[in-house]
Amino acid sequence: MQPRLSILMYHQVGYFAPMRSHRANYCDAGRFRRQMAFLAKGGFSVLSLDQALAGLRGELRLKPRSVVLTFDDGYRNFREHALPVLQAYGFPAVVYAISGWLGRRMAWARHEPGRLEPELLSAAQLRELQSAGVCVGSHGLSHAKLGELDADAQLRELEGSRKALQDLLGSDVRHLCYPFGSFNRATVSLAGEVGYASATTCLRGAATPADHPLVLPRKAISFGDSLAGFAWKVVVKNAPKSELVRWRAVMAEAESAGSPSALDSGETRTECIE
């Protein structure tokens, strides 16, 4: 059986009023602490994204319960509620930052009445996270839906965000997360050309060696997940959704032709349902 990897997708971590929509954008801080304790006590191997990629390539052995922790958008509450817990357990993590929105309030998603737009990490705070051992990845310049842009606009988002973050951090930015989970064949090809080593998506399922590193599936952790529900997602919910199966076929065809640049210009586009 192929090794399987659970790449977990978080957004905000904090204390929130009950909600009915966009629940995957929130994780209660208390539940987050219990989730991390479950991973620590349950014998899970929490890997950096670089370690995980090496495992998927067969360069190191992936243990049966291997996990990667990812946090989209770069919310300021990550520092207060997530980072201390991760440090207590020695868990690595990836924070995907929007380079054009550092230090501002998140303003691209719909909100429930009375709910403030959350603050994003500043440039100085992002450097602090890097110094603390957190991997910083790109989430675009402006959190645009890349799959809806033409190739030139996509290139500006992908290349511009990578350069801005590298200039800020003084180190290579190797990892990308497609905003809104929106991407198409051109996005994947351009991401590789720009120099990204990986890109995570909203495609659902466990990652395996069958997945191309620029089309990595994840498992969304939601506001309403009980500890039993979290355990089920991490341990049991591994089967790929149909959209992931389709993308595996698309990328396998491109690989057989030589590289992702062999992708045709067809309008195969994917976006988060949530």
Foldseek 3Di string as FASTA:
>chain_A
DFAWEAEEEEEAEDDDDDDDPPQLPYAYLVQLLVLLVCCLVVVAAADEVVVVVCCLVVNDPHDNQYYAYEYEAAFPNCVVRPVVSCVVSVHEYEYAHQLQQAQHFDDDDDDDPPDDGTTHHHLVRVLVVVVVVYQYAHAWNNLDQLLVDDLVVLLCGLLVRQVSNCVSNVDGHAEYEHRQLKDFLSNLLSNVVSHHQAYEGCFDAIAGSLDRRPYGHHFRDGHPQDSVNSCCRSNPRHDTDPLRVVVSVQQVVQVVVPHSNSRDPDSDIDGHPD
